[in-house]
Structures are given as C-alpha cells and as structure tokens.
PDB file of N, CA and C in Angstrom:
ATOM      1  N   MET A   1      97.120 -80.450 172.089  1.00  0.00           N
ATOM      2  CA  MET A   1      97.941 -81.635 171.883  1.00  0.00           C
ATOM      3  C   MET A   1      97.055 -82.879 171.997  1.00  0.00           C
ATOM      4  N   THR A   2      97.432 -83.900 171.262  1.00  0.00           N
ATOM      5  CA  THR A   2      96.694 -85.161 171.347  1.00  0.00           C
ATOM      6  C   THR A   2      97.100 -85.908 172.615  1.00  0.00           C
ATOM      7  N   THR A   3      96.304 -86.892 172.974  1.00  0.00           N
ATOM      8  CA  THR A   3      96.628 -87.728 174.132  1.00  0.00           C
ATOM      9  C   THR A   3      97.994 -88.383 173.952  1.00  0.00           C
ATOM     10  N   GLU A   4      98.271 -88.861 172.751  1.00  0.00           N
ATOM     11  CA  GLU A   4      99.547 -89.519 172.478  1.00  0.00           C
ATOM     12  C   GLU A   4     100.715 -88.549 172.653  1.00  0.00           C
ATOM     13  N   GLU A   5     100.552 -87.321 172.195  1.00  0.00           N
ATOM     14  CA  GLU A   5     101.603 -86.311 172.351  1.00  0.00           C
ATOM     15  C   GLU A   5     101.811 -85.954 173.825  1.00  0.00           C
ATOM     16  N   LEU A   6     100.718 -85.861 174.570  1.00  0.00           N
ATOM     17  CA  LEU A   6     100.828 -85.517 175.986  1.00  0.00           C
ATOM     18  C   LEU A   6     101.574 -86.597 176.767  1.00  0.00           C
ATOM     19  N   VAL A   7     101.206 -87.855 176.566  1.00  0.00           N
ATOM     20  CA  VAL A   7     101.859 -88.925 177.331  1.00  0.00           C
ATOM     21  C   VAL A   7     103.298 -89.153 176.890  1.00  0.00           C
ATOM     22  N   ALA A   8     103.684 -88.657 175.719  1.00  0.00           N
ATOM     23  CA  ALA A   8     105.062 -88.801 175.247  1.00  0.00           C
ATOM     24  C   ALA A   8     105.969 -87.661 175.719  1.00  0.00           C
ATOM     25  N   LEU A   9     105.402 -86.653 176.371  1.00  0.00           N
ATOM     26  CA  LEU A   9     106.198 -85.516 176.834  1.00  0.00           C
ATOM     27  C   LEU A   9     107.240 -85.952 177.861  1.00  0.00           C
ATOM     28  N   THR A  10     108.354 -85.261 177.878  1.00  0.00           N
ATOM     29  CA  THR A  10     109.347 -85.446 178.936  1.00  0.00           C
ATOM     30  C   THR A  10     108.932 -84.529 180.082  1.00  0.00           C
ATOM     31  N   ILE A  11     108.648 -85.124 181.219  1.00  0.00           N
ATOM     32  CA  ILE A  11     108.143 -84.391 182.376  1.00  0.00           C
ATOM     33  C   ILE A  11     109.319 -83.973 183.250  1.00  0.00           C
ATOM     34  N   ASP A  12     109.375 -82.688 183.579  1.00  0.00           N
ATOM     35  CA  ASP A  12     110.432 -82.178 184.446  1.00  0.00           C
ATOM     36  C   ASP A  12     110.032 -82.212 185.923  1.00  0.00           C
ATOM     37  N   LYS A  13     108.739 -82.132 186.183  1.00  0.00           N
ATOM     38  CA  LYS A  13     108.248 -82.152 187.568  1.00  0.00           C
ATOM     39  C   LYS A  13     106.872 -82.797 187.586  1.00  0.00           C
ATOM     40  N   SER A  14     106.687 -83.802 188.440  1.00  0.00           N
ATOM     41  CA  SER A  14     105.385 -84.438 188.612  1.00  0.00           C
ATOM     42  C   SER A  14     104.884 -84.144 190.013  1.00  0.00           C
ATOM     43  N   VAL A  15     103.649 -83.680 190.105  1.00  0.00           N
ATOM     44  CA  VAL A  15     103.035 -83.340 191.390  1.00  0.00           C
ATOM     45  C   VAL A  15     101.863 -84.287 191.600  1.00  0.00           C
ATOM     46  N   ASP A  16     101.986 -85.172 192.585  1.00  0.00           N
ATOM     47  CA  ASP A  16     100.921 -86.140 192.859  1.00  0.00           C
ATOM     48  C   ASP A  16     100.013 -85.586 193.947  1.00  0.00           C
ATOM     49  N   ALA A  17      98.858 -85.062 193.531  1.00  0.00           N
ATOM     50  CA  ALA A  17      97.894 -84.485 194.466  1.00  0.00           C
ATOM     51  C   ALA A  17      96.610 -85.309 194.489  1.00  0.00           C
ATOM     52  N   ARG A  18      96.714 -86.593 194.167  1.00  0.00           N
ATOM     53  CA  ARG A  18      95.518 -87.440 194.102  1.00  0.00           C
ATOM     54  C   ARG A  18      94.848 -87.626 195.449  1.00  0.00           C
ATOM     55  N   GLY A  19      95.567 -87.470 196.537  1.00  0.00           N
ATOM     56  CA  GLY A  19      94.981 -87.664 197.861  1.00  0.00           C
ATOM     57  C   GLY A  19      94.366 -86.406 198.444  1.00  0.00           C
ATOM     58  N   THR A  20      94.295 -85.332 197.676  1.00  0.00           N
ATOM     59  CA  THR A  20      93.756 -84.079 198.191  1.00  0.00           C
ATOM     60  C   THR A  20      92.540 -83.642 197.387  1.00  0.00           C
ATOM     61  N   ALA A  21      91.659 -82.914 198.065  1.00  0.00           N
ATOM     62  CA  ALA A  21      90.481 -82.347 197.399  1.00  0.00           C
ATOM     63  C   ALA A  21      90.752 -80.876 197.123  1.00  0.00           C
ATOM     64  N   CYS A  22      89.928 -80.293 196.289  1.00  0.00           N
ATOM     65  CA  CYS A  22      90.042 -78.888 195.939  1.00  0.00           C
ATOM     66  C   CYS A  22      90.049 -78.037 197.207  1.00  0.00           C
ATOM     67  N   PRO A  23      90.968 -77.122 197.379  1.00  0.00           N
ATOM     68  CA  PRO A  23      91.917 -76.582 196.420  1.00  0.00           C
ATOM     69  C   PRO A  23      93.315 -77.192 196.526  1.00  0.00           C
ATOM     70  N   GLY A  24      93.454 -78.352 197.149  1.00  0.00           N
ATOM     71  CA  GLY A  24      94.754 -78.981 197.345  1.00  0.00           C
ATOM     72  C   GLY A  24      95.613 -79.127 196.098  1.00  0.00           C
ATOM     73  N   PRO A  25      95.075 -79.684 194.999  1.00  0.00           N
ATOM     74  CA  PRO A  25      95.885 -79.827 193.794  1.00  0.00           C
ATOM     75  C   PRO A  25      96.374 -78.488 193.235  1.00  0.00           C
ATOM     76  N   LEU A  26      95.535 -77.480 193.280  1.00  0.00           N
ATOM     77  CA  LEU A  26      95.932 -76.153 192.794  1.00  0.00           C
ATOM     78  C   LEU A  26      97.023 -75.560 193.678  1.00  0.00           C
ATOM     79  N   LEU A  27      96.881 -75.692 194.983  1.00  0.00           N
ATOM     80  CA  LEU A  27      97.903 -75.178 195.899  1.00  0.00           C
ATOM     81  C   LEU A  27      99.235 -75.898 195.692  1.00  0.00           C
ATOM     82  N   ALA A  28      99.185 -77.210 195.464  1.00  0.00           N
ATOM     83  CA  ALA A  28     100.408 -77.983 195.218  1.00  0.00           C
ATOM     84  C   ALA A  28     101.071 -77.523 193.915  1.00  0.00           C
ATOM     85  N   ALA A  29     100.260 -77.286 192.884  1.00  0.00           N
ATOM     86  CA  ALA A  29     100.805 -76.825 191.601  1.00  0.00           C
ATOM     87  C   ALA A  29     101.448 -75.453 191.756  1.00  0.00           C
ATOM     88  N   LYS A  30     100.796 -74.550 192.486  1.00  0.00           N
ATOM     89  CA  LYS A  30     101.346 -73.204 192.709  1.00  0.00           C
ATOM     90  C   LYS A  30     102.699 -73.283 193.405  1.00  0.00           C
ATOM     91  N   LYS A  31     102.804 -74.166 194.389  1.00  0.00           N
ATOM     92  CA  LYS A  31     104.048 -74.318 195.138  1.00  0.00           C
ATOM     93  C   LYS A  31     105.161 -74.905 194.271  1.00  0.00           C
ATOM     94  N   GLU A  32     104.853 -75.949 193.530  1.00  0.00           N
ATOM     95  CA  GLU A  32     105.878 -76.694 192.804  1.00  0.00           C
ATOM     96  C   GLU A  32     106.323 -76.039 191.501  1.00  0.00           C
ATOM     97  N   ILE A  33     105.514 -75.182 190.924  1.00  0.00           N
ATOM     98  CA  ILE A  33     105.926 -74.550 189.665  1.00  0.00           C
ATOM     99  C   ILE A  33     107.147 -73.659 189.879  1.00  0.00           C
ATOM    100  N   ALA A  34     107.334 -73.221 191.112  1.00  0.00           N
ATOM    101  CA  ALA A  34     108.508 -72.402 191.438  1.00  0.00           C
ATOM    102  C   ALA A  34     109.800 -73.225 191.357  1.00  0.00           C
ATOM    103  N   ASN A  35     109.678 -74.539 191.378  1.00  0.00           N
ATOM    104  CA  ASN A  35     110.852 -75.415 191.393  1.00  0.00           C
ATOM    105  C   ASN A  35     111.284 -75.903 190.013  1.00  0.00           C
ATOM    106  N   ILE A  36     110.673 -75.353 188.948  1.00  0.00           N
ATOM    107  CA  ILE A  36     111.101 -75.703 187.602  1.00  0.00           C
ATOM    108  C   ILE A  36     111.430 -74.429 186.836  1.00  0.00           C
ATOM    109  N   GLY A  37     112.197 -74.599 185.774  1.00  0.00           N
ATOM    110  CA  GLY A  37     112.603 -73.452 184.976  1.00  0.00           C
ATOM    111  C   GLY A  37     111.633 -73.147 183.852  1.00  0.00           C
ATOM    112  N   SER A  38     111.801 -71.980 183.284  1.00  0.00           N
ATOM    113  CA  SER A  38     110.984 -71.557 182.155  1.00  0.00           C
ATOM    114  C   SER A  38     111.152 -72.549 181.001  1.00  0.00           C
ATOM    115  N   GLY A  39     110.023 -72.932 180.406  1.00  0.00           N
ATOM    116  CA  GLY A  39     110.041 -73.885 179.301  1.00  0.00           C
ATOM    117  C   GLY A  39     109.946 -75.335 179.738  1.00  0.00           C
ATOM    118  N   GLN A  40     110.033 -75.599 181.043  1.00  0.00           N
ATOM    119  CA  GLN A  40     109.949 -76.972 181.523  1.00  0.00           C
ATOM    120  C   GLN A  40     108.487 -77.381 181.693  1.00  0.00           C
ATOM    121  N   ILE A  41     108.273 -78.700 181.721  1.00  0.00           N
ATOM    122  CA  ILE A  41     106.930 -79.276 181.761  1.00  0.00           C
ATOM    123  C   ILE A  41     106.643 -79.844 183.154  1.00  0.00           C
ATOM    124  N   MET A  42     105.449 -79.525 183.662  1.00  0.00           N
ATOM    125  CA  MET A  42     104.983 -80.078 184.933  1.00  0.00           C
ATOM    126  C   MET A  42     103.678 -80.821 184.684  1.00  0.00           C
ATOM    127  N   GLU A  43     103.540 -81.984 185.333  1.00  0.00           N
ATOM    128  CA  GLU A  43     102.265 -82.692 185.294  1.00  0.00           C
ATOM    129  C   GLU A  43     101.702 -82.709 186.699  1.00  0.00           C
ATOM    130  N   ILE A  44     100.398 -82.529 186.795  1.00  0.00           N
ATOM    131  CA  ILE A  44      99.698 -82.580 188.070  1.00  0.00           C
ATOM    132  C   ILE A  44      98.753 -83.765 188.006  1.00  0.00           C
ATOM    133  N   LEU A  45      98.863 -84.658 188.983  1.00  0.00           N
ATOM    134  CA  LEU A  45      97.974 -85.815 189.077  1.00  0.00           C
ATOM    135  C   LEU A  45      96.905 -85.484 190.103  1.00  0.00           C
ATOM    136  N   SER A  46      95.644 -85.620 189.730  1.00  0.00           N
ATOM    137  CA  SER A  46      94.551 -85.269 190.624  1.00  0.00           C
ATOM    138  C   SER A  46      93.326 -86.113 190.328  1.00  0.00           C
ATOM    139  N   ALA A  47      92.626 -86.513 191.389  1.00  0.00           N
ATOM    140  CA  ALA A  47      91.359 -87.223 191.234  1.00  0.00           C
ATOM    141  C   ALA A  47      90.184 -86.274 191.435  1.00  0.00           C
ATOM    142  N   ASP A  48      90.452 -85.024 191.741  1.00  0.00           N
ATOM    143  CA  ASP A  48      89.412 -84.031 191.991  1.00  0.00           C
ATOM    144  C   ASP A  48      88.926 -83.431 190.671  1.00  0.00           C
ATOM    145  N   GLU A  49      87.649 -83.555 190.386  1.00  0.00           N
ATOM    146  CA  GLU A  49      87.065 -83.084 189.123  1.00  0.00           C
ATOM    147  C   GLU A  49      87.289 -81.593 188.899  1.00  0.00           C
ATOM    148  N   GLY A  50      87.227 -80.785 189.958  1.00  0.00           N
ATOM    149  CA  GLY A  50      87.395 -79.345 189.829  1.00  0.00           C
ATOM    150  C   GLY A  50      88.773 -78.932 189.337  1.00  0.00           C
ATOM    151  N   THR A  51      89.744 -79.780 189.532  1.00  0.00           N
ATOM    152  CA  THR A  51      91.115 -79.487 189.115  1.00  0.00           C
ATOM    153  C   THR A  51      91.207 -79.331 187.598  1.00  0.00           C
ATOM    154  N   ARG A  52      90.376 -80.065 186.870  1.00  0.00           N
ATOM    155  CA  ARG A  52      90.376 -79.982 185.400  1.00  0.00           C
ATOM    156  C   ARG A  52      90.058 -78.571 184.920  1.00  0.00           C
ATOM    157  N   ARG A  53      89.288 -77.843 185.696  1.00  0.00           N
ATOM    158  CA  ARG A  53      88.910 -76.474 185.359  1.00  0.00           C
ATOM    159  C   ARG A  53      89.860 -75.467 186.004  1.00  0.00           C
ATOM    160  N   ASP A  54      90.218 -75.705 187.261  1.00  0.00           N
ATOM    161  CA  ASP A  54      91.005 -74.741 188.036  1.00  0.00           C
ATOM    162  C   ASP A  54      92.435 -74.566 187.535  1.00  0.00           C
ATOM    163  N   ILE A  55      93.114 -75.654 187.235  1.00  0.00           N
ATOM    164  CA  ILE A  55      94.523 -75.575 186.824  1.00  0.00           C
ATOM    165  C   ILE A  55      94.682 -74.808 185.504  1.00  0.00           C
ATOM    166  N   PRO A  56      93.914 -75.127 184.451  1.00  0.00           N
ATOM    167  CA  PRO A  56      94.069 -74.346 183.209  1.00  0.00           C
ATOM    168  C   PRO A  56      93.756 -72.860 183.405  1.00  0.00           C
ATOM    169  N   LYS A  57      92.744 -72.553 184.214  1.00  0.00           N
ATOM    170  CA  LYS A  57      92.379 -71.154 184.459  1.00  0.00           C
ATOM    171  C   LYS A  57      93.521 -70.428 185.178  1.00  0.00           C
ATOM    172  N   TRP A  58      94.082 -71.049 186.200  1.00  0.00           N
ATOM    173  CA  TRP A  58      95.207 -70.468 186.944  1.00  0.00           C
ATOM    174  C   TRP A  58      96.427 -70.299 186.029  1.00  0.00           C
ATOM    175  N   ALA A  59      96.714 -71.327 185.238  1.00  0.00           N
ATOM    176  CA  ALA A  59      97.868 -71.262 184.326  1.00  0.00           C
ATOM    177  C   ALA A  59      97.744 -70.073 183.377  1.00  0.00           C
ATOM    178  N   GLY A  60      96.561 -69.887 182.824  1.00  0.00           N
ATOM    179  CA  GLY A  60      96.337 -68.767 181.916  1.00  0.00           C
ATOM    180  C   GLY A  60      96.538 -67.419 182.581  1.00  0.00           C
ATOM    181  N   LYS A  61      96.073 -67.298 183.811  1.00  0.00           N
ATOM    182  CA  LYS A  61      96.235 -66.040 184.556  1.00  0.00           C
ATOM    183  C   LYS A  61      97.694 -65.731 184.829  1.00  0.00           C
ATOM    184  N   LYS A  62      98.485 -66.771 185.046  1.00  0.00           N
ATOM    185  CA  LYS A  62      99.901 -66.605 185.384  1.00  0.00           C
ATOM    186  C   LYS A  62     100.811 -66.610 184.164  1.00  0.00           C
ATOM    187  N   GLY A  63     100.244 -66.842 182.980  1.00  0.00           N
ATOM    188  CA  GLY A  63     101.039 -66.813 181.761  1.00  0.00           C
ATOM    189  C   GLY A  63     101.703 -68.129 181.402  1.00  0.00           C
ATOM    190  N   HIS A  64     101.348 -69.211 182.103  1.00  0.00           N
ATOM    191  CA  HIS A  64     101.882 -70.529 181.776  1.00  0.00           C
ATOM    192  C   HIS A  64     101.016 -71.147 180.681  1.00  0.00           C
ATOM    193  N   GLU A  65     101.568 -72.099 179.966  1.00  0.00           N
ATOM    194  CA  GLU A  65     100.839 -72.731 178.873  1.00  0.00           C
ATOM    195  C   GLU A  65     100.219 -74.046 179.327  1.00  0.00           C
ATOM    196  N   TYR A  66      98.892 -74.099 179.286  1.00  0.00           N
ATOM    197  CA  TYR A  66      98.169 -75.339 179.558  1.00  0.00           C
ATOM    198  C   TYR A  66      98.268 -76.199 178.304  1.00  0.00           C
ATOM    199  N   LEU A  67      98.795 -77.407 178.441  1.00  0.00           N
ATOM    200  CA  LEU A  67      99.013 -78.274 177.292  1.00  0.00           C
ATOM    201  C   LEU A  67      97.880 -79.266 177.070  1.00  0.00           C
ATOM    202  N   GLY A  68      97.214 -79.673 178.147  1.00  0.00           N
ATOM    203  CA  GLY A  68      96.105 -80.609 178.002  1.00  0.00           C
ATOM    204  C   GLY A  68      95.955 -81.504 179.215  1.00  0.00           C
ATOM    205  N   THR A  69      94.915 -82.324 179.174  1.00  0.00           N
ATOM    206  CA  THR A  69      94.583 -83.238 180.266  1.00  0.00           C
ATOM    207  C   THR A  69      94.326 -84.622 179.699  1.00  0.00           C
ATOM    208  N   VAL A  70      94.809 -85.631 180.426  1.00  0.00           N
ATOM    209  CA  VAL A  70      94.576 -87.029 180.065  1.00  0.00           C
ATOM    210  C   VAL A  70      93.895 -87.703 181.252  1.00  0.00           C
ATOM    211  N   GLU A  71      92.782 -88.412 180.987  1.00  0.00           N
ATOM    212  CA  GLU A  71      92.132 -89.201 182.035  1.00  0.00           C
ATOM    213  C   GLU A  71      92.778 -90.572 182.078  1.00  0.00           C
ATOM    214  N   LYS A  72      93.030 -91.046 183.326  1.00  0.00           N
ATOM    215  CA  LYS A  72      93.696 -92.340 183.469  1.00  0.00           C
ATOM    216  C   LYS A  72      93.229 -93.009 184.756  1.00  0.00           C
ATOM    217  N   ASP A  73      92.569 -94.127 184.651  1.00  0.00           N
ATOM    218  CA  ASP A  73      92.217 -94.979 185.795  1.00  0.00           C
ATOM    219  C   ASP A  73      91.659 -94.198 186.987  1.00  0.00           C
ATOM    220  N   GLY A  74      90.701 -93.320 186.774  1.00  0.00           N
ATOM    221  CA  GLY A  74      90.050 -92.621 187.878  1.00  0.00           C
ATOM    222  C   GLY A  74      90.734 -91.345 188.338  1.00  0.00           C
ATOM    223  N   TYR A  75      91.723 -90.882 187.610  1.00  0.00           N
ATOM    224  CA  TYR A  75      92.353 -89.604 187.936  1.00  0.00           C
ATOM    225  C   TYR A  75      92.767 -88.898 186.655  1.00  0.00           C
ATOM    226  N   PHE A  76      93.240 -87.679 186.803  1.00  0.00           N
ATOM    227  CA  PHE A  76      93.619 -86.854 185.666  1.00  0.00           C
ATOM    228  C   PHE A  76      95.109 -86.541 185.714  1.00  0.00           C
ATOM    229  N   LYS A  77      95.718 -86.444 184.546  1.00  0.00           N
ATOM    230  CA  LYS A  77      97.084 -85.936 184.398  1.00  0.00           C
ATOM    231  C   LYS A  77      96.949 -84.628 183.634  1.00  0.00           C
ATOM    232  N   ILE A  78      97.322 -83.540 184.274  1.00  0.00           N
ATOM    233  CA  ILE A  78      97.192 -82.210 183.686  1.00  0.00           C
ATOM    234  C   ILE A  78      98.601 -81.700 183.399  1.00  0.00           C
ATOM    235  N   TYR A  79      98.823 -81.242 182.172  1.00  0.00           N
ATOM    236  CA  TYR A  79     100.162 -80.848 181.733  1.00  0.00           C
ATOM    237  C   TYR A  79     100.259 -79.341 181.508  1.00  0.00           C
ATOM    238  N   LEU A  80     101.324 -78.745 182.057  1.00  0.00           N
ATOM    239  CA  LEU A  80     101.589 -77.319 181.907  1.00  0.00           C
ATOM    240  C   LEU A  80     103.030 -77.109 181.465  1.00  0.00           C
ATOM    241  N   LYS A  81     103.255 -76.035 180.728  1.00  0.00           N
ATOM    242  CA  LYS A  81     104.607 -75.596 180.421  1.00  0.00           C
ATOM    243  C   LYS A  81     104.806 -74.236 181.103  1.00  0.00           C
ATOM    244  N   LYS A  82     105.832 -74.154 181.930  1.00  0.00           N
ATOM    245  CA  LYS A  82     106.112 -72.897 182.625  1.00  0.00           C
ATOM    246  C   LYS A  82     106.663 -71.874 181.639  1.00  0.00           C
ATOM    247  N   GLN A  83     106.151 -70.664 181.703  1.00  0.00           N
ATOM    248  CA  GLN A  83     106.617 -69.572 180.830  1.00  0.00           C
ATOM    249  C   GLN A  83     107.490 -68.601 181.601  1.00  0.00           C
TER     250      GLN A  83
END
C-alpha cells in the first residue's frame, strides 16, 4: 500500500508503544490484537527501529496481514490487518 492509502485507513485499534524499547512494542501488539476482530486494522506506534522488522515478521508467522509502515516525526506507524 502507498503512504497515502495507509494514512487513509480506518483504524480499529491504535497501540501507542513509543515509550517502550524492544520487545515492548511487539509485546503490546501481541496483547492488543486479541481485542479486535478478524478483518479489522491495528496500528502500532513505535520509536524503536527494531519494531519495523519485528512486527511484520510476527504478523506473518501468525497469519495476519502486514499492510505497511509510515515514518512520522521520529516514530513509525505500522499497520496490520487481523486475519
């Protein structure tokens, strides 16, 4: 997806993990994905560089769809669709 498509998504759950270092953002995403339904969109906010690699890898292992990442003012917005 393009950056424009990602930022236009309707977000069902936002997880702000900007104040945590690895593996904090991944642990927060694992916990919160249980609180949304199949087909819903979750965004994870993180300033940790490793999260850009860890979240897509975890999503793939669990069968969720990684939609993309947007960099914004010193942090990342990572988008997933729960399967």
